[in-house]
Amino acid sequence: MTDFADQFDALAADAAAHPERWGAGVRLNITCARRLPYEAVQLAEARGFAEARGVGRHHLIFEYEDVVPDAAWVAATARPVLDFIAEVGGTDPQIGVDRNVQ
């Protein structure tokens, strides 16, 4: 997941260089594939990841609204999520950014 983790460093660099792209109205999703995600969601919630939910039978998603993915956010929020995904056997992690949140 090192390559995936590097994507967060790129987001932090973009947030620093272009803060107008981030914040109000931006939703950032961290997703992964995982069979039976509901068990992982229960564990995530028990560990304080309130943003976690299962989607269908094979996906785990963490949703964050009004995000500015600066270095502090990456360290405090994204890295622990990545560690959790690795711990529960999540595969194919992805980052999604939606700037059309109403």
N, C-alpha and C. Protein backbone atom coordinates (compact mmCIF):
# COMPACT_ATOMS: atom_id res chain seq x y z
N MET A 1 0.80 -1.20 0.00
CA MET A 1 0.00 0.00 0.00
C MET A 1 0.85 1.26 0.00
N THR A 2 2.14 1.08 -0.13
CA THR A 2 3.02 2.25 -0.12
C THR A 2 2.69 3.19 -1.27
N ASP A 3 2.49 2.64 -2.48
CA ASP A 3 2.15 3.50 -3.61
C ASP A 3 0.85 4.25 -3.36
N PHE A 4 -0.11 3.56 -2.76
CA PHE A 4 -1.39 4.19 -2.45
C PHE A 4 -1.18 5.29 -1.41
N ALA A 5 -0.38 5.02 -0.41
CA ALA A 5 -0.10 6.03 0.62
C ALA A 5 0.55 7.26 0.01
N ASP A 6 1.36 7.07 -1.01
CA ASP A 6 1.98 8.20 -1.69
C ASP A 6 0.95 9.13 -2.33
N GLN A 7 -0.21 8.59 -2.70
CA GLN A 7 -1.26 9.42 -3.28
C GLN A 7 -1.76 10.45 -2.27
N PHE A 8 -1.74 10.09 -1.00
CA PHE A 8 -2.15 11.05 0.03
C PHE A 8 -1.14 12.18 0.16
N ASP A 9 0.13 11.86 -0.01
CA ASP A 9 1.14 12.92 0.01
C ASP A 9 0.91 13.89 -1.15
N ALA A 10 0.51 13.34 -2.31
CA ALA A 10 0.21 14.19 -3.46
C ALA A 10 -1.03 15.05 -3.20
N LEU A 11 -2.04 14.49 -2.52
CA LEU A 11 -3.22 15.29 -2.16
C LEU A 11 -2.84 16.42 -1.21
N ALA A 12 -1.99 16.12 -0.23
CA ALA A 12 -1.56 17.14 0.72
C ALA A 12 -0.80 18.25 0.01
N ALA A 13 0.04 17.88 -0.95
CA ALA A 13 0.77 18.88 -1.72
C ALA A 13 -0.19 19.74 -2.54
N ASP A 14 -1.21 19.10 -3.13
CA ASP A 14 -2.20 19.85 -3.90
C ASP A 14 -3.01 20.78 -2.99
N ALA A 15 -3.37 20.31 -1.80
CA ALA A 15 -4.12 21.15 -0.86
C ALA A 15 -3.30 22.37 -0.44
N ALA A 16 -1.99 22.19 -0.31
CA ALA A 16 -1.13 23.31 0.06
C ALA A 16 -0.97 24.29 -1.11
N ALA A 17 -0.85 23.75 -2.33
CA ALA A 17 -0.64 24.61 -3.49
C ALA A 17 -1.93 25.25 -4.00
N HIS A 18 -3.06 24.57 -3.81
CA HIS A 18 -4.34 25.04 -4.35
C HIS A 18 -5.45 24.89 -3.31
N PRO A 19 -5.39 25.64 -2.24
CA PRO A 19 -6.40 25.48 -1.17
C PRO A 19 -7.83 25.76 -1.64
N GLU A 20 -7.98 26.51 -2.71
CA GLU A 20 -9.32 26.82 -3.22
C GLU A 20 -10.04 25.58 -3.76
N ARG A 21 -9.31 24.52 -4.05
CA ARG A 21 -9.91 23.28 -4.55
C ARG A 21 -10.54 22.43 -3.45
N TRP A 22 -10.28 22.78 -2.21
CA TRP A 22 -10.65 21.91 -1.08
C TRP A 22 -11.51 22.63 -0.08
N GLY A 23 -12.10 21.90 0.83
CA GLY A 23 -12.89 22.47 1.91
C GLY A 23 -14.38 22.28 1.67
N ALA A 24 -15.14 23.33 1.88
CA ALA A 24 -16.60 23.25 1.79
C ALA A 24 -17.03 22.69 0.44
N GLY A 25 -17.91 21.71 0.48
CA GLY A 25 -18.45 21.12 -0.73
C GLY A 25 -17.61 20.01 -1.33
N VAL A 26 -16.54 19.59 -0.67
CA VAL A 26 -15.69 18.52 -1.19
C VAL A 26 -15.86 17.28 -0.32
N ARG A 27 -16.15 16.16 -0.98
CA ARG A 27 -16.22 14.88 -0.29
C ARG A 27 -15.04 14.02 -0.77
N LEU A 28 -14.34 13.45 0.17
CA LEU A 28 -13.22 12.55 -0.15
C LEU A 28 -13.59 11.16 0.37
N ASN A 29 -13.47 10.16 -0.49
CA ASN A 29 -13.78 8.78 -0.13
C ASN A 29 -12.52 7.94 -0.21
N ILE A 30 -12.34 7.10 0.77
CA ILE A 30 -11.29 6.09 0.75
C ILE A 30 -12.03 4.76 0.71
N THR A 31 -11.81 3.99 -0.33
CA THR A 31 -12.53 2.73 -0.48
C THR A 31 -11.56 1.57 -0.67
N CYS A 32 -12.08 0.38 -0.41
CA CYS A 32 -11.32 -0.83 -0.70
C CYS A 32 -12.29 -1.97 -0.90
N ALA A 33 -11.81 -3.02 -1.51
CA ALA A 33 -12.59 -4.24 -1.65
C ALA A 33 -12.34 -5.10 -0.42
N ARG A 34 -13.42 -5.69 0.07
CA ARG A 34 -13.29 -6.61 1.20
C ARG A 34 -14.57 -7.43 1.26
N ARG A 35 -14.42 -8.74 1.22
CA ARG A 35 -15.60 -9.60 1.34
C ARG A 35 -16.23 -9.39 2.71
N LEU A 36 -17.55 -9.38 2.72
CA LEU A 36 -18.31 -9.20 3.96
C LEU A 36 -17.83 -7.98 4.74
N PRO A 37 -17.98 -6.80 4.17
CA PRO A 37 -17.45 -5.60 4.80
C PRO A 37 -18.11 -5.23 6.13
N TYR A 38 -19.28 -5.79 6.41
CA TYR A 38 -20.00 -5.37 7.61
C TYR A 38 -19.26 -5.72 8.89
N GLU A 39 -18.54 -6.82 8.89
CA GLU A 39 -17.72 -7.15 10.05
C GLU A 39 -16.64 -6.08 10.24
N ALA A 40 -16.03 -5.67 9.14
CA ALA A 40 -15.00 -4.63 9.21
C ALA A 40 -15.60 -3.30 9.65
N VAL A 41 -16.83 -3.00 9.22
CA VAL A 41 -17.48 -1.76 9.63
C VAL A 41 -17.71 -1.76 11.14
N GLN A 42 -18.16 -2.88 11.68
CA GLN A 42 -18.38 -2.97 13.12
C GLN A 42 -17.08 -2.74 13.88
N LEU A 43 -16.00 -3.34 13.40
CA LEU A 43 -14.70 -3.14 14.03
C LEU A 43 -14.24 -1.69 13.88
N ALA A 44 -14.44 -1.13 12.70
CA ALA A 44 -14.06 0.27 12.45
C ALA A 44 -14.80 1.20 13.40
N GLU A 45 -16.10 0.99 13.54
CA GLU A 45 -16.88 1.84 14.44
C GLU A 45 -16.42 1.69 15.89
N ALA A 46 -16.09 0.47 16.27
CA ALA A 46 -15.59 0.24 17.63
C ALA A 46 -14.27 0.96 17.88
N ARG A 47 -13.51 1.19 16.81
CA ARG A 47 -12.22 1.87 16.93
C ARG A 47 -12.32 3.36 16.68
N GLY A 48 -13.53 3.87 16.48
CA GLY A 48 -13.71 5.31 16.33
C GLY A 48 -13.76 5.82 14.91
N PHE A 49 -13.80 4.94 13.92
CA PHE A 49 -13.92 5.37 12.52
C PHE A 49 -15.40 5.49 12.19
N ALA A 50 -16.02 6.58 12.62
CA ALA A 50 -17.46 6.77 12.42
C ALA A 50 -17.82 6.92 10.95
N GLU A 51 -16.87 7.22 10.10
CA GLU A 51 -17.12 7.47 8.68
C GLU A 51 -17.20 6.19 7.87
N ALA A 52 -16.99 5.03 8.48
CA ALA A 52 -16.95 3.77 7.75
C ALA A 52 -18.34 3.22 7.50
N ARG A 53 -18.50 2.62 6.32
CA ARG A 53 -19.73 1.89 6.03
C ARG A 53 -19.44 0.84 4.96
N GLY A 54 -20.29 -0.16 4.93
CA GLY A 54 -20.18 -1.19 3.91
C GLY A 54 -21.05 -0.83 2.73
N VAL A 55 -20.59 -1.19 1.55
CA VAL A 55 -21.36 -0.95 0.33
C VAL A 55 -21.45 -2.28 -0.40
N GLY A 56 -22.66 -2.77 -0.55
CA GLY A 56 -22.84 -4.06 -1.18
C GLY A 56 -22.20 -5.16 -0.35
N ARG A 57 -21.77 -6.21 -1.02
CA ARG A 57 -21.17 -7.34 -0.30
C ARG A 57 -19.65 -7.34 -0.37
N HIS A 58 -19.07 -6.34 -1.04
CA HIS A 58 -17.63 -6.43 -1.28
C HIS A 58 -16.85 -5.14 -1.12
N HIS A 59 -17.43 -4.11 -0.55
CA HIS A 59 -16.70 -2.84 -0.46
C HIS A 59 -16.85 -2.19 0.90
N LEU A 60 -15.77 -1.58 1.32
CA LEU A 60 -15.70 -0.81 2.55
C LEU A 60 -15.36 0.61 2.13
N ILE A 61 -16.09 1.58 2.67
CA ILE A 61 -15.86 2.97 2.29
C ILE A 61 -15.80 3.85 3.53
N PHE A 62 -14.90 4.81 3.48
CA PHE A 62 -14.77 5.84 4.51
C PHE A 62 -15.03 7.16 3.81
N GLU A 63 -16.07 7.89 4.25
CA GLU A 63 -16.46 9.14 3.59
C GLU A 63 -16.19 10.34 4.50
N TYR A 64 -15.58 11.35 3.91
CA TYR A 64 -15.26 12.58 4.65
C TYR A 64 -15.77 13.77 3.84
N GLU A 65 -16.55 14.64 4.47
CA GLU A 65 -17.09 15.81 3.79
C GLU A 65 -16.36 17.08 4.23
N ASP A 66 -16.34 18.05 3.32
CA ASP A 66 -15.71 19.35 3.56
C ASP A 66 -14.25 19.19 3.95
N VAL A 67 -13.55 18.38 3.19
CA VAL A 67 -12.18 17.98 3.51
C VAL A 67 -11.15 18.91 2.91
N VAL A 68 -10.13 19.19 3.71
CA VAL A 68 -8.89 19.80 3.23
C VAL A 68 -7.80 18.78 3.58
N PRO A 69 -7.36 17.98 2.60
CA PRO A 69 -6.41 16.90 2.90
C PRO A 69 -4.97 17.38 3.04
N ASP A 70 -4.76 18.29 3.99
CA ASP A 70 -3.41 18.79 4.22
C ASP A 70 -2.60 17.73 4.97
N ALA A 71 -1.35 18.02 5.21
CA ALA A 71 -0.46 17.04 5.84
C ALA A 71 -0.98 16.60 7.21
N ALA A 72 -1.55 17.52 7.97
CA ALA A 72 -2.08 17.17 9.29
C ALA A 72 -3.27 16.21 9.17
N TRP A 73 -4.16 16.44 8.20
CA TRP A 73 -5.31 15.56 7.99
C TRP A 73 -4.84 14.18 7.55
N VAL A 74 -3.89 14.16 6.64
CA VAL A 74 -3.36 12.88 6.16
C VAL A 74 -2.78 12.08 7.33
N ALA A 75 -2.00 12.73 8.18
CA ALA A 75 -1.38 12.04 9.31
C ALA A 75 -2.42 11.57 10.34
N ALA A 76 -3.39 12.41 10.63
CA ALA A 76 -4.34 12.11 11.69
C ALA A 76 -5.51 11.23 11.24
N THR A 77 -5.86 11.30 9.97
CA THR A 77 -7.06 10.61 9.50
C THR A 77 -6.77 9.55 8.45
N ALA A 78 -6.10 9.92 7.38
CA ALA A 78 -5.90 8.99 6.26
C ALA A 78 -4.96 7.84 6.60
N ARG A 79 -3.85 8.12 7.23
CA ARG A 79 -2.90 7.04 7.54
C ARG A 79 -3.51 5.98 8.47
N PRO A 80 -4.24 6.37 9.53
CA PRO A 80 -4.89 5.34 10.35
C PRO A 80 -5.91 4.52 9.55
N VAL A 81 -6.61 5.14 8.61
CA VAL A 81 -7.55 4.39 7.77
C VAL A 81 -6.79 3.38 6.92
N LEU A 82 -5.68 3.79 6.35
CA LEU A 82 -4.87 2.86 5.55
C LEU A 82 -4.38 1.69 6.38
N ASP A 83 -3.93 1.98 7.59
CA ASP A 83 -3.49 0.90 8.49
C ASP A 83 -4.64 -0.05 8.79
N PHE A 84 -5.83 0.51 9.01
CA PHE A 84 -6.99 -0.32 9.30
C PHE A 84 -7.35 -1.19 8.09
N ILE A 85 -7.34 -0.61 6.90
CA ILE A 85 -7.63 -1.37 5.69
C ILE A 85 -6.67 -2.55 5.56
N ALA A 86 -5.39 -2.31 5.79
CA ALA A 86 -4.41 -3.40 5.72
C ALA A 86 -4.69 -4.46 6.78
N GLU A 87 -5.05 -4.02 7.97
CA GLU A 87 -5.31 -4.94 9.08
C GLU A 87 -6.48 -5.87 8.79
N VAL A 88 -7.55 -5.36 8.18
CA VAL A 88 -8.73 -6.19 7.93
C VAL A 88 -8.69 -6.89 6.58
N GLY A 89 -7.59 -6.78 5.88
CA GLY A 89 -7.44 -7.50 4.62
C GLY A 89 -8.11 -6.84 3.43
N GLY A 90 -8.30 -5.53 3.50
CA GLY A 90 -8.86 -4.81 2.36
C GLY A 90 -7.89 -4.81 1.19
N THR A 91 -8.43 -4.86 -0.01
CA THR A 91 -7.59 -4.86 -1.21
C THR A 91 -8.05 -3.76 -2.15
N ASP A 92 -7.21 -3.44 -3.09
CA ASP A 92 -7.49 -2.45 -4.12
C ASP A 92 -7.98 -1.12 -3.54
N PRO A 93 -7.23 -0.51 -2.63
CA PRO A 93 -7.67 0.78 -2.07
C PRO A 93 -7.67 1.86 -3.13
N GLN A 94 -8.64 2.76 -3.01
CA GLN A 94 -8.77 3.86 -3.95
C GLN A 94 -9.20 5.13 -3.22
N ILE A 95 -8.88 6.26 -3.84
CA ILE A 95 -9.31 7.56 -3.34
C ILE A 95 -10.26 8.16 -4.35
N GLY A 96 -11.38 8.66 -3.88
CA GLY A 96 -12.31 9.35 -4.75
C GLY A 96 -12.54 10.74 -4.21
N VAL A 97 -12.61 11.72 -5.11
CA VAL A 97 -12.87 13.10 -4.72
C VAL A 97 -14.10 13.58 -5.49
N ASP A 98 -15.07 14.08 -4.75
CA ASP A 98 -16.30 14.61 -5.36
C ASP A 98 -16.41 16.06 -4.93
N ARG A 99 -16.35 16.94 -5.91
CA ARG A 99 -16.42 18.37 -5.63
C ARG A 99 -17.82 18.93 -5.88
N ASN A 100 -18.80 18.08 -6.03
CA ASN A 100 -20.16 18.52 -6.34
C ASN A 100 -21.11 18.24 -5.19
N VAL A 101 -20.61 18.18 -3.99
CA VAL A 101 -21.46 17.91 -2.84
C VAL A 101 -22.38 19.09 -2.61
N GLN A 102 -23.65 18.81 -2.45
CA GLN A 102 -24.64 19.89 -2.21
C GLN A 102 -24.97 19.94 -0.75
